[in-house]
């Protein structure tokens, strides 16, 4: 699992659309879709129920999304604390 895959998943989950997520991430829709499919394969679960024009979180996707958000916010906060502790590196 790569951080970028989790980030892409979070963008799709938040917006409900691969196209919107791709635009926000400055990527193509197929690139985002491929990375999320790889994430699902690695986890062994389907995170997103794909419709013809929309995307919805599966039950597993909802759980993963909540955990991913928590982890993401902790990572960002930790990075901010590190910058305060060691400002010379930034």
N, C-alpha and C. Protein backbone atom coordinates (compact mmCIF):
# COMPACT_ATOMS: atom_id res chain seq x y z
N UNK A 1 0.85 -1.17 0.00
CA UNK A 1 0.00 0.00 0.00
C UNK A 1 0.90 1.23 0.00
N UNK A 2 0.55 2.15 -0.87
CA UNK A 2 1.32 3.38 -0.97
C UNK A 2 0.46 4.55 -0.50
N UNK A 3 1.13 5.55 0.07
CA UNK A 3 0.43 6.74 0.56
C UNK A 3 -0.40 7.38 -0.55
N UNK A 4 0.15 7.44 -1.75
CA UNK A 4 -0.58 8.08 -2.84
C UNK A 4 -1.87 7.34 -3.15
N UNK A 5 -1.87 6.02 -3.04
CA UNK A 5 -3.09 5.25 -3.28
C UNK A 5 -4.16 5.62 -2.26
N UNK A 6 -3.75 5.76 -1.02
CA UNK A 6 -4.70 6.13 0.03
C UNK A 6 -5.22 7.55 -0.23
N UNK A 7 -4.33 8.43 -0.62
CA UNK A 7 -4.75 9.81 -0.92
C UNK A 7 -5.75 9.84 -2.08
N UNK A 8 -5.48 9.09 -3.12
CA UNK A 8 -6.39 9.03 -4.26
C UNK A 8 -7.75 8.48 -3.83
N UNK A 9 -7.71 7.42 -3.04
CA UNK A 9 -8.96 6.84 -2.54
C UNK A 9 -9.75 7.86 -1.75
N UNK A 10 -9.07 8.59 -0.88
CA UNK A 10 -9.75 9.59 -0.06
C UNK A 10 -10.40 10.68 -0.92
N UNK A 11 -9.72 11.08 -1.99
CA UNK A 11 -10.28 12.09 -2.89
C UNK A 11 -11.53 11.57 -3.60
N UNK A 12 -11.48 10.34 -4.08
CA UNK A 12 -12.65 9.76 -4.76
C UNK A 12 -13.80 9.61 -3.77
N UNK A 13 -13.49 9.11 -2.58
CA UNK A 13 -14.53 8.91 -1.57
C UNK A 13 -15.17 10.24 -1.17
N UNK A 14 -14.38 11.26 -1.03
CA UNK A 14 -14.89 12.57 -0.60
C UNK A 14 -15.77 13.21 -1.68
N UNK A 15 -15.39 13.03 -2.93
CA UNK A 15 -16.12 13.69 -4.02
C UNK A 15 -17.12 12.81 -4.72
N UNK A 16 -17.02 11.49 -4.52
CA UNK A 16 -17.95 10.57 -5.16
C UNK A 16 -17.75 10.42 -6.65
N UNK A 17 -16.55 10.76 -7.14
CA UNK A 17 -16.31 10.72 -8.58
C UNK A 17 -14.82 10.55 -8.87
N UNK A 18 -14.53 9.62 -9.77
CA UNK A 18 -13.15 9.46 -10.21
C UNK A 18 -12.69 10.68 -11.01
N UNK A 19 -13.58 11.21 -11.85
CA UNK A 19 -13.20 12.36 -12.67
C UNK A 19 -12.89 13.59 -11.82
N UNK A 20 -13.73 13.87 -10.84
CA UNK A 20 -13.49 15.02 -9.97
C UNK A 20 -12.21 14.84 -9.17
N UNK A 21 -11.99 13.63 -8.66
CA UNK A 21 -10.77 13.36 -7.90
C UNK A 21 -9.54 13.54 -8.79
N UNK A 22 -9.61 13.02 -10.01
CA UNK A 22 -8.48 13.15 -10.94
C UNK A 22 -8.18 14.62 -11.22
N UNK A 23 -9.22 15.40 -11.40
CA UNK A 23 -9.01 16.84 -11.66
C UNK A 23 -8.36 17.51 -10.47
N UNK A 24 -8.82 17.21 -9.26
CA UNK A 24 -8.23 17.82 -8.06
C UNK A 24 -6.78 17.39 -7.85
N UNK A 25 -6.48 16.15 -8.25
CA UNK A 25 -5.13 15.61 -8.08
C UNK A 25 -4.21 15.93 -9.26
N UNK A 26 -4.76 16.55 -10.30
CA UNK A 26 -4.01 16.87 -11.52
C UNK A 26 -3.48 15.60 -12.18
N UNK A 27 -4.36 14.59 -12.24
CA UNK A 27 -4.04 13.31 -12.87
C UNK A 27 -5.14 12.96 -13.86
N UNK A 28 -4.94 11.89 -14.59
CA UNK A 28 -6.00 11.40 -15.46
C UNK A 28 -6.89 10.43 -14.68
N UNK A 29 -8.12 10.31 -15.12
CA UNK A 29 -9.06 9.39 -14.46
C UNK A 29 -8.55 7.95 -14.49
N UNK A 30 -8.02 7.45 -15.63
CA UNK A 30 -7.52 6.07 -15.62
C UNK A 30 -6.38 5.84 -14.63
N UNK A 31 -5.53 6.83 -14.43
CA UNK A 31 -4.42 6.68 -13.47
C UNK A 31 -4.95 6.53 -12.05
N UNK A 32 -5.94 7.34 -11.71
CA UNK A 32 -6.54 7.26 -10.37
C UNK A 32 -7.24 5.92 -10.21
N UNK A 33 -7.99 5.53 -11.20
CA UNK A 33 -8.72 4.27 -11.15
C UNK A 33 -7.79 3.07 -10.99
N UNK A 34 -6.68 3.07 -11.73
CA UNK A 34 -5.70 1.98 -11.63
C UNK A 34 -5.11 1.87 -10.24
N UNK A 35 -4.76 3.02 -9.65
CA UNK A 35 -4.15 3.00 -8.32
C UNK A 35 -5.13 2.51 -7.26
N UNK A 36 -6.38 2.91 -7.38
CA UNK A 36 -7.37 2.46 -6.39
C UNK A 36 -7.66 0.97 -6.57
N UNK A 37 -7.70 0.51 -7.81
CA UNK A 37 -7.89 -0.93 -8.07
C UNK A 37 -6.74 -1.72 -7.46
N UNK A 38 -5.52 -1.22 -7.61
CA UNK A 38 -4.35 -1.89 -7.03
C UNK A 38 -4.45 -1.92 -5.51
N UNK A 39 -4.94 -0.83 -4.92
CA UNK A 39 -5.13 -0.78 -3.47
C UNK A 39 -6.16 -1.82 -3.04
N UNK A 40 -7.26 -1.89 -3.76
CA UNK A 40 -8.30 -2.88 -3.43
C UNK A 40 -7.76 -4.30 -3.54
N UNK A 41 -6.99 -4.56 -4.57
CA UNK A 41 -6.42 -5.90 -4.75
C UNK A 41 -5.46 -6.24 -3.62
N UNK A 42 -4.66 -5.28 -3.22
CA UNK A 42 -3.71 -5.54 -2.13
C UNK A 42 -4.44 -5.79 -0.81
N UNK A 43 -5.51 -5.02 -0.57
CA UNK A 43 -6.28 -5.20 0.66
C UNK A 43 -7.20 -6.42 0.62
N UNK A 44 -7.54 -6.85 -0.59
CA UNK A 44 -8.43 -8.00 -0.74
C UNK A 44 -9.89 -7.67 -0.51
N UNK A 45 -10.27 -6.40 -0.67
CA UNK A 45 -11.65 -5.97 -0.50
C UNK A 45 -12.00 -4.94 -1.57
N UNK A 46 -13.28 -4.81 -1.85
CA UNK A 46 -13.76 -3.76 -2.74
C UNK A 46 -14.12 -2.57 -1.87
N UNK A 47 -13.47 -1.44 -2.12
CA UNK A 47 -13.69 -0.24 -1.32
C UNK A 47 -14.77 0.65 -1.91
N UNK A 48 -14.92 0.60 -3.24
CA UNK A 48 -15.84 1.49 -3.93
C UNK A 48 -16.78 0.69 -4.82
N UNK A 49 -18.06 1.00 -4.72
CA UNK A 49 -19.07 0.43 -5.62
C UNK A 49 -19.17 1.39 -6.80
N UNK A 50 -18.78 0.93 -7.95
CA UNK A 50 -18.71 1.78 -9.13
C UNK A 50 -20.01 1.68 -9.92
N UNK A 51 -20.63 2.83 -10.15
CA UNK A 51 -21.82 2.91 -11.00
C UNK A 51 -21.44 3.53 -12.33
N UNK A 52 -22.42 3.71 -13.21
CA UNK A 52 -22.11 4.29 -14.51
C UNK A 52 -21.71 5.76 -14.40
N UNK A 53 -22.27 6.46 -13.42
CA UNK A 53 -21.95 7.89 -13.27
C UNK A 53 -21.58 8.28 -11.84
N UNK A 54 -21.53 7.32 -10.95
CA UNK A 54 -21.21 7.67 -9.56
C UNK A 54 -20.44 6.55 -8.89
N UNK A 55 -19.90 6.89 -7.76
CA UNK A 55 -19.13 5.96 -6.95
C UNK A 55 -19.63 6.08 -5.51
N UNK A 56 -19.78 4.94 -4.86
CA UNK A 56 -20.20 4.95 -3.46
C UNK A 56 -19.27 4.04 -2.66
N UNK A 57 -19.10 4.37 -1.42
CA UNK A 57 -18.28 3.53 -0.54
C UNK A 57 -19.03 2.25 -0.20
N UNK A 58 -18.31 1.14 -0.24
CA UNK A 58 -18.87 -0.11 0.29
C UNK A 58 -18.74 -0.05 1.81
N UNK A 59 -19.24 -1.04 2.49
CA UNK A 59 -19.11 -1.08 3.95
C UNK A 59 -17.62 -1.10 4.33
N UNK A 60 -16.85 -1.90 3.62
CA UNK A 60 -15.41 -1.95 3.87
C UNK A 60 -14.76 -0.61 3.54
N UNK A 61 -15.25 0.03 2.48
CA UNK A 61 -14.74 1.33 2.08
C UNK A 61 -14.99 2.39 3.13
N UNK A 62 -16.17 2.35 3.76
CA UNK A 62 -16.48 3.31 4.82
C UNK A 62 -15.53 3.16 5.99
N UNK A 63 -15.28 1.92 6.37
CA UNK A 63 -14.35 1.66 7.48
C UNK A 63 -12.95 2.14 7.12
N UNK A 64 -12.49 1.78 5.91
CA UNK A 64 -11.16 2.18 5.48
C UNK A 64 -11.04 3.69 5.38
N UNK A 65 -12.09 4.35 4.88
CA UNK A 65 -12.08 5.81 4.74
C UNK A 65 -11.92 6.48 6.10
N UNK A 66 -12.66 6.03 7.08
CA UNK A 66 -12.54 6.60 8.43
C UNK A 66 -11.14 6.42 8.99
N UNK A 67 -10.60 5.22 8.83
CA UNK A 67 -9.24 4.95 9.32
C UNK A 67 -8.20 5.76 8.54
N UNK A 68 -8.40 5.87 7.24
CA UNK A 68 -7.46 6.63 6.41
C UNK A 68 -7.46 8.10 6.79
N UNK A 69 -8.65 8.66 7.02
CA UNK A 69 -8.73 10.06 7.43
C UNK A 69 -7.99 10.28 8.75
N UNK A 70 -8.22 9.41 9.70
CA UNK A 70 -7.55 9.53 11.00
C UNK A 70 -6.03 9.46 10.82
N UNK A 71 -5.57 8.49 10.08
CA UNK A 71 -4.13 8.33 9.86
C UNK A 71 -3.55 9.52 9.12
N UNK A 72 -4.29 10.02 8.14
CA UNK A 72 -3.82 11.17 7.35
C UNK A 72 -3.65 12.39 8.25
N UNK A 73 -4.65 12.65 9.09
CA UNK A 73 -4.59 13.82 9.97
C UNK A 73 -3.46 13.68 11.00
N UNK A 74 -3.24 12.49 11.49
CA UNK A 74 -2.15 12.25 12.43
C UNK A 74 -0.81 12.50 11.73
N UNK A 75 -0.68 12.02 10.50
CA UNK A 75 0.56 12.21 9.75
C UNK A 75 0.84 13.68 9.51
N UNK A 76 -0.17 14.42 9.10
CA UNK A 76 -0.01 15.85 8.85
C UNK A 76 0.37 16.59 10.13
N UNK A 77 -0.30 16.25 11.23
CA UNK A 77 0.01 16.88 12.51
C UNK A 77 1.44 16.55 12.95
N UNK A 78 1.84 15.30 12.77
CA UNK A 78 3.20 14.90 13.15
C UNK A 78 4.24 15.64 12.32
N UNK A 79 3.96 15.80 11.04
CA UNK A 79 4.88 16.53 10.17
C UNK A 79 5.00 17.97 10.63
N UNK A 80 3.88 18.57 10.99
CA UNK A 80 3.90 19.95 11.48
C UNK A 80 4.70 20.08 12.76
N UNK A 81 4.56 19.11 13.66
CA UNK A 81 5.32 19.13 14.91
C UNK A 81 6.81 18.96 14.62
N UNK A 82 7.15 18.12 13.65
CA UNK A 82 8.54 17.92 13.29
C UNK A 82 9.15 19.21 12.75
N UNK A 83 8.38 19.94 11.94
CA UNK A 83 8.86 21.19 11.41
C UNK A 83 9.13 22.20 12.52
N UNK A 84 8.35 22.16 13.57
CA UNK A 84 8.55 23.07 14.70
C UNK A 84 9.82 22.67 15.46
N UNK A 85 10.00 21.38 15.63
CA UNK A 85 11.16 20.87 16.37
C UNK A 85 12.45 21.07 15.59
N UNK A 86 12.39 20.91 14.28
CA UNK A 86 13.59 20.96 13.44
C UNK A 86 13.39 21.90 12.26
N UNK A 87 13.23 23.18 12.49
CA UNK A 87 12.93 24.11 11.39
C UNK A 87 14.06 24.28 10.39
N UNK A 88 15.27 23.97 10.75
CA UNK A 88 16.40 24.15 9.84
C UNK A 88 16.30 23.25 8.61
N UNK A 89 15.56 22.17 8.72
CA UNK A 89 15.43 21.23 7.60
C UNK A 89 14.44 21.71 6.58
N UNK A 90 13.67 22.75 6.88
CA UNK A 90 12.62 23.19 5.95
C UNK A 90 12.87 24.59 5.58
